[in-house]
C-alpha atoms as a PDB file:
ATOM      1  CA  UNK A   1      17.946 -61.413  17.145  1.00  0.00           C
ATOM      2  CA  UNK A   2      18.679 -57.709  17.173  1.00  0.00           C
ATOM      3  CA  UNK A   3      21.668 -55.692  18.258  1.00  0.00           C
ATOM      4  CA  UNK A   4      22.298 -52.035  17.724  1.00  0.00           C
ATOM      5  CA  UNK A   5      24.450 -50.982  14.795  1.00  0.00           C
ATOM      6  CA  UNK A   6      28.110 -50.758  15.679  1.00  0.00           C
ATOM      7  CA  UNK A   7      27.789 -52.963  18.758  1.00  0.00           C
ATOM      8  CA  UNK A   8      29.045 -56.489  19.278  1.00  0.00           C
ATOM      9  CA  UNK A   9      26.770 -59.305  20.333  1.00  0.00           C
ATOM     10  CA  UNK A  10      29.751 -60.970  22.045  1.00  0.00           C
ATOM     11  CA  UNK A  11      31.388 -58.072  23.919  1.00  0.00           C
ATOM     12  CA  UNK A  12      29.621 -56.186  26.728  1.00  0.00           C
ATOM     13  CA  UNK A  13      29.422 -52.403  26.483  1.00  0.00           C
ATOM     14  CA  UNK A  14      29.882 -50.193  29.515  1.00  0.00           C
ATOM     15  CA  UNK A  15      26.747 -48.662  31.031  1.00  0.00           C
ATOM     16  CA  UNK A  16      26.242 -46.300  33.943  1.00  0.00           C
ATOM     17  CA  UNK A  17      23.565 -46.785  36.568  1.00  0.00           C
ATOM     18  CA  UNK A  18      21.446 -43.630  36.684  1.00  0.00           C
ATOM     19  CA  UNK A  19      18.998 -44.598  39.412  1.00  0.00           C
ATOM     20  CA  UNK A  20      17.497 -47.440  41.438  1.00  0.00           C
ATOM     21  CA  UNK A  21      14.027 -47.943  42.872  1.00  0.00           C
ATOM     22  CA  UNK A  22      12.850 -50.817  45.064  1.00  0.00           C
ATOM     23  CA  UNK A  23       9.106 -51.435  44.636  1.00  0.00           C
ATOM     24  CA  UNK A  24       9.097 -54.779  46.481  1.00  0.00           C
ATOM     25  CA  UNK A  25      11.238 -56.730  48.915  1.00  0.00           C
ATOM     26  CA  UNK A  26      12.867 -58.805  46.161  1.00  0.00           C
ATOM     27  CA  UNK A  27      12.790 -56.515  43.106  1.00  0.00           C
ATOM     28  CA  UNK A  28      14.684 -53.405  42.140  1.00  0.00           C
ATOM     29  CA  UNK A  29      14.246 -51.317  38.994  1.00  0.00           C
ATOM     30  CA  UNK A  30      17.505 -50.145  37.422  1.00  0.00           C
ATOM     31  CA  UNK A  31      17.681 -47.174  35.046  1.00  0.00           C
ATOM     32  CA  UNK A  32      20.868 -47.165  32.969  1.00  0.00           C
ATOM     33  CA  UNK A  33      22.430 -45.629  29.879  1.00  0.00           C
ATOM     34  CA  UNK A  34      25.274 -46.634  27.585  1.00  0.00           C
ATOM     35  CA  UNK A  35      28.447 -44.669  28.193  1.00  0.00           C
ATOM     36  CA  UNK A  36      28.716 -44.294  24.415  1.00  0.00           C
ATOM     37  CA  UNK A  37      25.426 -42.407  24.441  1.00  0.00           C
ATOM     38  CA  UNK A  38      23.742 -44.737  21.985  1.00  0.00           C
ATOM     39  CA  UNK A  39      20.120 -45.803  22.558  1.00  0.00           C
ATOM     40  CA  UNK A  40      19.495 -49.454  23.315  1.00  0.00           C
ATOM     41  CA  UNK A  41      17.197 -49.737  20.299  1.00  0.00           C
ATOM     42  CA  UNK A  42      15.119 -52.601  21.685  1.00  0.00           C
ATOM     43  CA  UNK A  43      11.680 -53.853  20.756  1.00  0.00           C
ATOM     44  CA  UNK A  44       8.946 -54.840  23.243  1.00  0.00           C
ATOM     45  CA  UNK A  45       9.731 -58.203  24.801  1.00  0.00           C
ATOM     46  CA  UNK A  46      13.482 -58.277  24.168  1.00  0.00           C
ATOM     47  CA  UNK A  47      16.208 -58.801  26.774  1.00  0.00           C
ATOM     48  CA  UNK A  48      19.855 -57.951  27.406  1.00  0.00           C
ATOM     49  CA  UNK A  49      22.780 -59.849  28.875  1.00  0.00           C
ATOM     50  CA  UNK A  50      24.071 -58.075  31.984  1.00  0.00           C
ATOM     51  CA  UNK A  51      27.610 -58.738  33.188  1.00  0.00           C
ATOM     52  CA  UNK A  52      29.316 -57.755  36.425  1.00  0.00           C
ATOM     53  CA  UNK A  53      33.030 -58.124  36.014  1.00  0.00           C
ATOM     54  CA  UNK A  54      34.449 -60.888  38.178  1.00  0.00           C
ATOM     55  CA  UNK A  55      30.994 -62.288  38.978  1.00  0.00           C
ATOM     56  CA  UNK A  56      29.263 -63.412  35.797  1.00  0.00           C
ATOM     57  CA  UNK A  57      26.505 -62.688  33.313  1.00  0.00           C
ATOM     58  CA  UNK A  58      22.732 -63.192  33.228  1.00  0.00           C
ATOM     59  CA  UNK A  59      19.798 -62.386  30.915  1.00  0.00           C
ATOM     60  CA  UNK A  60      17.573 -59.562  32.143  1.00  0.00           C
ATOM     61  CA  UNK A  61      14.313 -58.400  30.564  1.00  0.00           C
ATOM     62  CA  UNK A  62      13.886 -54.800  29.471  1.00  0.00           C
ATOM     63  CA  UNK A  63      10.917 -53.109  31.128  1.00  0.00           C
ATOM     64  CA  UNK A  64      11.089 -49.633  29.568  1.00  0.00           C
ATOM     65  CA  UNK A  65       9.440 -48.379  26.392  1.00  0.00           C
ATOM     66  CA  UNK A  66      11.210 -48.759  23.047  1.00  0.00           C
ATOM     67  CA  UNK A  67      10.258 -45.117  22.475  1.00  0.00           C
ATOM     68  CA  UNK A  68      12.621 -44.017  25.249  1.00  0.00           C
ATOM     69  CA  UNK A  69      16.086 -43.305  23.827  1.00  0.00           C
ATOM     70  CA  UNK A  70      17.883 -41.566  26.719  1.00  0.00           C
ATOM     71  CA  UNK A  71      17.981 -44.626  28.985  1.00  0.00           C
ATOM     72  CA  UNK A  72      16.536 -48.091  29.462  1.00  0.00           C
ATOM     73  CA  UNK A  73      15.204 -49.904  32.513  1.00  0.00           C
ATOM     74  CA  UNK A  74      15.431 -53.430  33.880  1.00  0.00           C
ATOM     75  CA  UNK A  75      13.590 -55.034  36.783  1.00  0.00           C
ATOM     76  CA  UNK A  76      15.873 -57.393  38.683  1.00  0.00           C
ATOM     77  CA  UNK A  77      14.735 -59.972  41.228  1.00  0.00           C
ATOM     78  CA  UNK A  78      17.342 -60.880  43.836  1.00  0.00           C
ATOM     79  CA  UNK A  79      17.581 -64.643  43.350  1.00  0.00           C
ATOM     80  CA  UNK A  80      21.244 -65.468  42.712  1.00  0.00           C
ATOM     81  CA  UNK A  81      24.852 -64.385  42.935  1.00  0.00           C
ATOM     82  CA  UNK A  82      24.786 -61.876  40.073  1.00  0.00           C
ATOM     83  CA  UNK A  83      21.401 -60.385  40.914  1.00  0.00           C
ATOM     84  CA  UNK A  84      22.421 -60.150  44.571  1.00  0.00           C
ATOM     85  CA  UNK A  85      25.491 -58.178  43.511  1.00  0.00           C
ATOM     86  CA  UNK A  86      23.341 -55.953  41.292  1.00  0.00           C
ATOM     87  CA  UNK A  87      21.091 -55.138  44.238  1.00  0.00           C
ATOM     88  CA  UNK A  88      24.132 -53.710  46.025  1.00  0.00           C
ATOM     89  CA  UNK A  89      24.933 -51.251  43.228  1.00  0.00           C
ATOM     90  CA  UNK A  90      24.310 -47.539  43.685  1.00  0.00           C
ATOM     91  CA  UNK A  91      23.886 -44.724  41.129  1.00  0.00           C
ATOM     92  CA  UNK A  92      27.106 -44.061  39.249  1.00  0.00           C
ATOM     93  CA  UNK A  93      28.138 -47.718  39.195  1.00  0.00           C
ATOM     94  CA  UNK A  94      29.256 -49.186  35.887  1.00  0.00           C
ATOM     95  CA  UNK A  95      28.736 -52.663  34.480  1.00  0.00           C
ATOM     96  CA  UNK A  96      28.451 -54.408  31.133  1.00  0.00           C
ATOM     97  CA  UNK A  97      25.492 -54.993  28.814  1.00  0.00           C
ATOM     98  CA  UNK A  98      25.168 -56.944  25.562  1.00  0.00           C
ATOM     99  CA  UNK A  99      22.132 -56.739  23.339  1.00  0.00           C
ATOM    100  CA  UNK A 100      19.259 -56.321  22.835  1.00  0.00           C
ATOM    101  CA  UNK A 101      18.461 -59.909  21.907  1.00  0.00           C
ATOM    102  CA  UNK A 102      15.458 -61.941  20.869  1.00  0.00           C
ATOM    103  CA  UNK A 103      12.132 -61.579  19.111  1.00  0.00           C
ATOM    104  CA  UNK A 104       9.515 -58.969  19.975  1.00  0.00           C
ATOM    105  CA  UNK A 105       5.798 -58.596  20.491  1.00  0.00           C
ATOM    106  CA  UNK A 106       4.451 -57.497  17.074  1.00  0.00           C
ATOM    107  CA  UNK A 107       3.085 -54.104  18.070  1.00  0.00           C
ATOM    108  CA  UNK A 108       2.526 -53.028  14.463  1.00  0.00           C
ATOM    109  CA  UNK A 109       0.488 -56.165  13.769  1.00  0.00           C
ATOM    110  CA  UNK A 110      -1.594 -55.360  16.855  1.00  0.00           C
ATOM    111  CA  UNK A 111      -2.537 -51.894  15.580  1.00  0.00           C
ATOM    112  CA  UNK A 112      -6.299 -51.377  15.416  1.00  0.00           C
ATOM    113  CA  UNK A 113      -6.960 -54.525  17.447  1.00  0.00           C
ATOM    114  CA  UNK A 114      -8.448 -55.163  20.883  1.00  0.00           C
ATOM    115  CA  UNK A 115      -5.694 -56.300  23.251  1.00  0.00           C
ATOM    116  CA  UNK A 116      -5.627 -58.637  26.234  1.00  0.00           C
ATOM    117  CA  UNK A 117      -2.288 -58.248  28.015  1.00  0.00           C
ATOM    118  CA  UNK A 118      -1.749 -60.835  30.748  1.00  0.00           C
ATOM    119  CA  UNK A 119       1.094 -60.825  33.278  1.00  0.00           C
ATOM    120  CA  UNK A 120       1.874 -62.944  36.299  1.00  0.00           C
ATOM    121  CA  UNK A 121       4.318 -61.751  38.961  1.00  0.00           C
ATOM    122  CA  UNK A 122       7.724 -60.843  37.522  1.00  0.00           C
ATOM    123  CA  UNK A 123       6.154 -61.188  34.054  1.00  0.00           C
ATOM    124  CA  UNK A 124       4.842 -57.626  34.319  1.00  0.00           C
ATOM    125  CA  UNK A 125       8.226 -55.934  33.681  1.00  0.00           C
ATOM    126  CA  UNK A 126       8.822 -57.402  30.192  1.00  0.00           C
ATOM    127  CA  UNK A 127       5.150 -56.899  29.328  1.00  0.00           C
ATOM    128  CA  UNK A 128       5.520 -53.267  30.435  1.00  0.00           C
ATOM    129  CA  UNK A 129       7.832 -52.756  27.448  1.00  0.00           C
ATOM    130  CA  UNK A 130       4.751 -53.411  25.285  1.00  0.00           C
ATOM    131  CA  UNK A 131       2.153 -51.691  27.475  1.00  0.00           C
ATOM    132  CA  UNK A 132       4.045 -48.377  27.604  1.00  0.00           C
ATOM    133  CA  UNK A 133       4.131 -47.773  23.827  1.00  0.00           C
ATOM    134  CA  UNK A 134       0.497 -48.905  23.563  1.00  0.00           C
ATOM    135  CA  UNK A 135      -0.509 -46.399  26.231  1.00  0.00           C
ATOM    136  CA  UNK A 136       1.709 -43.759  24.646  1.00  0.00           C
ATOM    137  CA  UNK A 137      -0.161 -44.010  21.327  1.00  0.00           C
ATOM    138  CA  UNK A 138      -3.519 -45.152  22.677  1.00  0.00           C
ATOM    139  CA  UNK A 139      -5.597 -44.199  19.616  1.00  0.00           C
ATOM    140  CA  UNK A 140      -3.807 -46.803  17.504  1.00  0.00           C
ATOM    141  CA  UNK A 141      -5.529 -49.657  19.361  1.00  0.00           C
ATOM    142  CA  UNK A 142      -9.019 -50.776  20.303  1.00  0.00           C
ATOM    143  CA  UNK A 143     -10.046 -51.925  23.768  1.00  0.00           C
ATOM    144  CA  UNK A 144      -7.153 -52.796  26.050  1.00  0.00           C
ATOM    145  CA  UNK A 145      -7.418 -55.159  29.008  1.00  0.00           C
ATOM    146  CA  UNK A 146      -4.421 -55.482  31.320  1.00  0.00           C
ATOM    147  CA  UNK A 147      -4.692 -58.510  33.614  1.00  0.00           C
ATOM    148  CA  UNK A 148      -2.109 -58.822  36.370  1.00  0.00           C
ATOM    149  CA  UNK A 149      -1.754 -61.422  39.080  1.00  0.00           C
ATOM    150  CA  UNK A 150       0.654 -61.402  42.038  1.00  0.00           C
ATOM    151  CA  UNK A 151       1.164 -63.803  44.906  1.00  0.00           C
ATOM    152  CA  UNK A 152       0.342 -61.143  47.506  1.00  0.00           C
ATOM    153  CA  UNK A 153      -0.299 -57.372  47.684  1.00  0.00           C
ATOM    154  CA  UNK A 154       3.266 -56.684  48.812  1.00  0.00           C
ATOM    155  CA  UNK A 155       4.588 -58.259  45.579  1.00  0.00           C
ATOM    156  CA  UNK A 156       2.688 -55.949  43.207  1.00  0.00           C
ATOM    157  CA  UNK A 157       5.044 -54.162  40.836  1.00  0.00           C
ATOM    158  CA  UNK A 158       4.571 -50.783  39.110  1.00  0.00           C
ATOM    159  CA  UNK A 159       1.594 -49.733  41.221  1.00  0.00           C
ATOM    160  CA  UNK A 160       1.628 -46.171  39.880  1.00  0.00           C
ATOM    161  CA  UNK A 161       1.738 -47.418  36.298  1.00  0.00           C
ATOM    162  CA  UNK A 162      -1.163 -49.784  36.866  1.00  0.00           C
ATOM    163  CA  UNK A 163      -3.233 -46.951  38.323  1.00  0.00           C
ATOM    164  CA  UNK A 164      -2.354 -44.613  35.452  1.00  0.00           C
ATOM    165  CA  UNK A 165      -3.086 -47.220  32.769  1.00  0.00           C
ATOM    166  CA  UNK A 166      -6.492 -47.819  34.314  1.00  0.00           C
ATOM    167  CA  UNK A 167      -7.338 -44.138  33.771  1.00  0.00           C
ATOM    168  CA  UNK A 168      -6.577 -44.262  30.047  1.00  0.00           C
ATOM    169  CA  UNK A 169      -9.581 -44.210  27.673  1.00  0.00           C
ATOM    170  CA  UNK A 170     -11.071 -47.562  26.690  1.00  0.00           C
ATOM    171  CA  UNK A 171      -8.616 -49.341  28.997  1.00  0.00           C
ATOM    172  CA  UNK A 172      -9.394 -51.735  31.847  1.00  0.00           C
ATOM    173  CA  UNK A 173      -6.812 -52.844  34.410  1.00  0.00           C
ATOM    174  CA  UNK A 174      -7.763 -55.913  36.437  1.00  0.00           C
ATOM    175  CA  UNK A 175      -5.628 -57.127  39.332  1.00  0.00           C
ATOM    176  CA  UNK A 176      -5.713 -60.164  41.572  1.00  0.00           C
ATOM    177  CA  UNK A 177      -3.577 -61.765  44.271  1.00  0.00           C
ATOM    178  CA  UNK A 178      -3.272 -65.377  45.349  1.00  0.00           C
ATOM    179  CA  UNK A 179      -3.442 -64.389  49.007  1.00  0.00           C
ATOM    180  CA  UNK A 180      -4.965 -61.168  50.265  1.00  0.00           C
ATOM    181  CA  UNK A 181      -4.219 -59.291  53.468  1.00  0.00           C
ATOM    182  CA  UNK A 182      -5.795 -56.517  55.525  1.00  0.00           C
ATOM    183  CA  UNK A 183      -4.742 -53.915  52.931  1.00  0.00           C
ATOM    184  CA  UNK A 184      -6.274 -55.716  49.959  1.00  0.00           C
ATOM    185  CA  UNK A 185      -9.850 -55.111  48.864  1.00  0.00           C
ATOM    186  CA  UNK A 186      -9.596 -56.503  45.369  1.00  0.00           C
ATOM    187  CA  UNK A 187      -9.954 -59.904  43.717  1.00  0.00           C
ATOM    188  CA  UNK A 188      -8.376 -62.958  45.330  1.00  0.00           C
ATOM    189  CA  UNK A 189      -7.484 -65.869  43.081  1.00  0.00           C
ATOM    190  CA  UNK A 190      -5.324 -66.766  40.114  1.00  0.00           C
ATOM    191  CA  UNK A 191      -5.169 -64.454  37.097  1.00  0.00           C
ATOM    192  CA  UNK A 192      -7.609 -66.567  35.073  1.00  0.00           C
ATOM    193  CA  UNK A 193     -10.413 -65.584  37.492  1.00  0.00           C
ATOM    194  CA  UNK A 194     -10.301 -62.134  35.868  1.00  0.00           C
ATOM    195  CA  UNK A 195     -11.309 -63.337  32.402  1.00  0.00           C
ATOM    196  CA  UNK A 196     -15.022 -63.236  33.249  1.00  0.00           C
ATOM    197  CA  UNK A 197     -14.730 -59.416  33.122  1.00  0.00           C
ATOM    198  CA  UNK A 198     -13.167 -59.314  29.660  1.00  0.00           C
ATOM    199  CA  UNK A 199     -15.393 -58.274  26.743  1.00  0.00           C
ATOM    200  CA  UNK A 200     -13.672 -57.907  23.391  1.00  0.00           C
ATOM    201  CA  UNK A 201     -14.325 -58.312  19.672  1.00  0.00           C
ATOM    202  CA  UNK A 202     -12.859 -61.815  19.591  1.00  0.00           C
ATOM    203  CA  UNK A 203     -11.928 -62.052  15.867  1.00  0.00           C
ATOM    204  CA  UNK A 204     -10.256 -58.663  16.231  1.00  0.00           C
ATOM    205  CA  UNK A 205      -8.345 -59.505  19.434  1.00  0.00           C
ATOM    206  CA  UNK A 206      -4.634 -60.043  20.048  1.00  0.00           C
ATOM    207  CA  UNK A 207      -3.114 -61.376  23.267  1.00  0.00           C
ATOM    208  CA  UNK A 208       0.299 -61.069  24.929  1.00  0.00           C
ATOM    209  CA  UNK A 209       1.198 -63.266  27.920  1.00  0.00           C
ATOM    210  CA  UNK A 210       4.230 -63.206  30.222  1.00  0.00           C
ATOM    211  CA  UNK A 211       4.467 -65.113  33.473  1.00  0.00           C
ATOM    212  CA  UNK A 212       5.437 -68.364  35.172  1.00  0.00           C
ATOM    213  CA  UNK A 213       5.203 -71.491  32.971  1.00  0.00           C
ATOM    214  CA  UNK A 214       2.247 -72.949  34.899  1.00  0.00           C
ATOM    215  CA  UNK A 215       0.199 -69.849  34.096  1.00  0.00           C
ATOM    216  CA  UNK A 216       0.321 -70.285  30.322  1.00  0.00           C
ATOM    217  CA  UNK A 217      -1.648 -73.508  30.200  1.00  0.00           C
ATOM    218  CA  UNK A 218      -4.614 -72.073  32.080  1.00  0.00           C
ATOM    219  CA  UNK A 219      -4.581 -68.692  30.335  1.00  0.00           C
ATOM    220  CA  UNK A 220      -4.598 -70.519  26.997  1.00  0.00           C
ATOM    221  CA  UNK A 221      -7.631 -72.502  28.178  1.00  0.00           C
ATOM    222  CA  UNK A 222      -9.489 -69.272  28.952  1.00  0.00           C
ATOM    223  CA  UNK A 223      -8.575 -67.820  25.582  1.00  0.00           C
ATOM    224  CA  UNK A 224      -9.859 -70.967  23.896  1.00  0.00           C
ATOM    225  CA  UNK A 225     -13.188 -70.491  25.685  1.00  0.00           C
ATOM    226  CA  UNK A 226     -13.336 -66.951  24.314  1.00  0.00           C
ATOM    227  CA  UNK A 227     -12.476 -68.240  20.856  1.00  0.00           C
ATOM    228  CA  UNK A 228      -9.302 -66.197  20.328  1.00  0.00           C
ATOM    229  CA  UNK A 229      -7.289 -67.553  17.385  1.00  0.00           C
ATOM    230  CA  UNK A 230      -3.991 -69.245  18.258  1.00  0.00           C
ATOM    231  CA  UNK A 231      -2.291 -67.068  15.635  1.00  0.00           C
ATOM    232  CA  UNK A 232      -3.271 -63.976  17.628  1.00  0.00           C
ATOM    233  CA  UNK A 233      -1.724 -65.157  20.898  1.00  0.00           C
ATOM    234  CA  UNK A 234       1.884 -64.301  21.756  1.00  0.00           C
ATOM    235  CA  UNK A 235       3.859 -65.457  24.770  1.00  0.00           C
ATOM    236  CA  UNK A 236       7.331 -64.965  26.172  1.00  0.00           C
ATOM    237  CA  UNK A 237       9.175 -68.158  27.100  1.00  0.00           C
ATOM    238  CA  UNK A 238      12.114 -66.574  28.875  1.00  0.00           C
ATOM    239  CA  UNK A 239      13.868 -69.382  30.667  1.00  0.00           C
ATOM    240  CA  UNK A 240      17.273 -71.005  31.025  1.00  0.00           C
ATOM    241  CA  UNK A 241      18.886 -68.444  28.720  1.00  0.00           C
ATOM    242  CA  UNK A 242      22.628 -68.109  29.133  1.00  0.00           C
ATOM    243  CA  UNK A 243      24.596 -66.763  26.160  1.00  0.00           C
ATOM    244  CA  UNK A 244      21.962 -64.891  24.144  1.00  0.00           C
ATOM    245  CA  UNK A 245      23.439 -65.964  20.799  1.00  0.00           C
ATOM    246  CA  UNK A 246      22.390 -69.616  20.474  1.00  0.00           C
ATOM    247  CA  UNK A 247      25.801 -71.128  21.280  1.00  0.00           C
ATOM    248  CA  UNK A 248      25.510 -72.673  24.743  1.00  0.00           C
ATOM    249  CA  UNK A 249      22.310 -74.701  24.334  1.00  0.00           C
ATOM    250  CA  UNK A 250      20.951 -73.882  27.796  1.00  0.00           C
ATOM    251  CA  UNK A 251      17.642 -72.577  26.406  1.00  0.00           C
ATOM    252  CA  UNK A 252      17.207 -75.162  23.655  1.00  0.00           C
ATOM    253  CA  UNK A 253      13.817 -76.844  23.239  1.00  0.00           C
ATOM    254  CA  UNK A 254      14.236 -79.547  20.613  1.00  0.00           C
ATOM    255  CA  UNK A 255      15.657 -77.593  17.646  1.00  0.00           C
ATOM    256  CA  UNK A 256      14.620 -74.166  18.962  1.00  0.00           C
ATOM    257  CA  UNK A 257      16.880 -71.751  20.852  1.00  0.00           C
ATOM    258  CA  UNK A 258      14.669 -69.546  22.999  1.00  0.00           C
ATOM    259  CA  UNK A 259      17.257 -66.754  23.089  1.00  0.00           C
ATOM    260  CA  UNK A 260      17.280 -66.449  19.279  1.00  0.00           C
ATOM    261  CA  UNK A 261      13.995 -67.919  18.014  1.00  0.00           C
ATOM    262  CA  UNK A 262      12.210 -66.311  20.972  1.00  0.00           C
ATOM    263  CA  UNK A 263      11.675 -65.341  23.696  1.00  0.00           C
ATOM    264  CA  UNK A 264       8.407 -64.134  22.128  1.00  0.00           C
ATOM    265  CA  UNK A 265       6.571 -66.889  20.259  1.00  0.00           C
ATOM    266  CA  UNK A 266       3.240 -67.042  18.494  1.00  0.00           C
ATOM    267  CA  UNK A 267       1.174 -69.701  20.271  1.00  0.00           C
ATOM    268  CA  UNK A 268       0.240 -71.401  16.996  1.00  0.00           C
ATOM    269  CA  UNK A 269       3.967 -72.232  16.719  1.00  0.00           C
ATOM    270  CA  UNK A 270       4.849 -72.725  20.374  1.00  0.00           C
ATOM    271  CA  UNK A 271       2.020 -75.202  20.998  1.00  0.00           C
ATOM    272  CA  UNK A 272       3.949 -77.800  19.002  1.00  0.00           C
ATOM    273  CA  UNK A 273       7.164 -77.331  20.982  1.00  0.00           C
ATOM    274  CA  UNK A 274       7.788 -80.102  23.497  1.00  0.00           C
ATOM    275  CA  UNK A 275       8.254 -78.739  27.038  1.00  0.00           C
ATOM    276  CA  UNK A 276       7.360 -75.204  25.936  1.00  0.00           C
ATOM    277  CA  UNK A 277       4.109 -74.995  27.893  1.00  0.00           C
END
């Protein structure tokens, strides 16, 4: 678990909403900064606890680069009371944030390696916090494959980013949707149908996965076919998190608290966790 120096993991700090974008019907991207002026200081894959006074608190993934110090971004899906209230906020609004919390994708360990970065639906925002620093220092890494699956074309997030990443050297962006429409000319099917286009140096390959729980099982099967080592596969198990500090037990899997021992796990460890996948 990580929290910036001088901050409390128990008390929310005031932030100001700088801007809001709405890329899909259900999601909005919030850009915020701490009123104290401090950087968030997060690592790729971490999350924060967002609180709206009088309403409640919820864990939200960070979707901006750790290299950005002037602000941080969160993608929020409107699915409950707190997120519904967040969607009504306008620039200048203030609310509370605790964190950052949790483990990170090991970007330094990935240096010099081929990367397969797999996201499903709302899993793209937290994975973006890893993709952005990789793209920002592209020469540090080998081949990069970004595989993204959405339910439909209208649910695709960060379209401009996906297009820009696909133009980077030695980088391939592959997209698919479960159901196409008249605007879609790309692949139709689940994200695992994209693996036939992946060509990497398998012993030298690392993988990061973020998406719905059902996706992990089948992505892992494809990685096993490729021969990628379990120790080189990392996944985010963000689910049921409540307090962020391992006190409430909402995210506990056996003796593991996802909010503290995760949300990013190495698959060689997570595969032994009951209910994890």
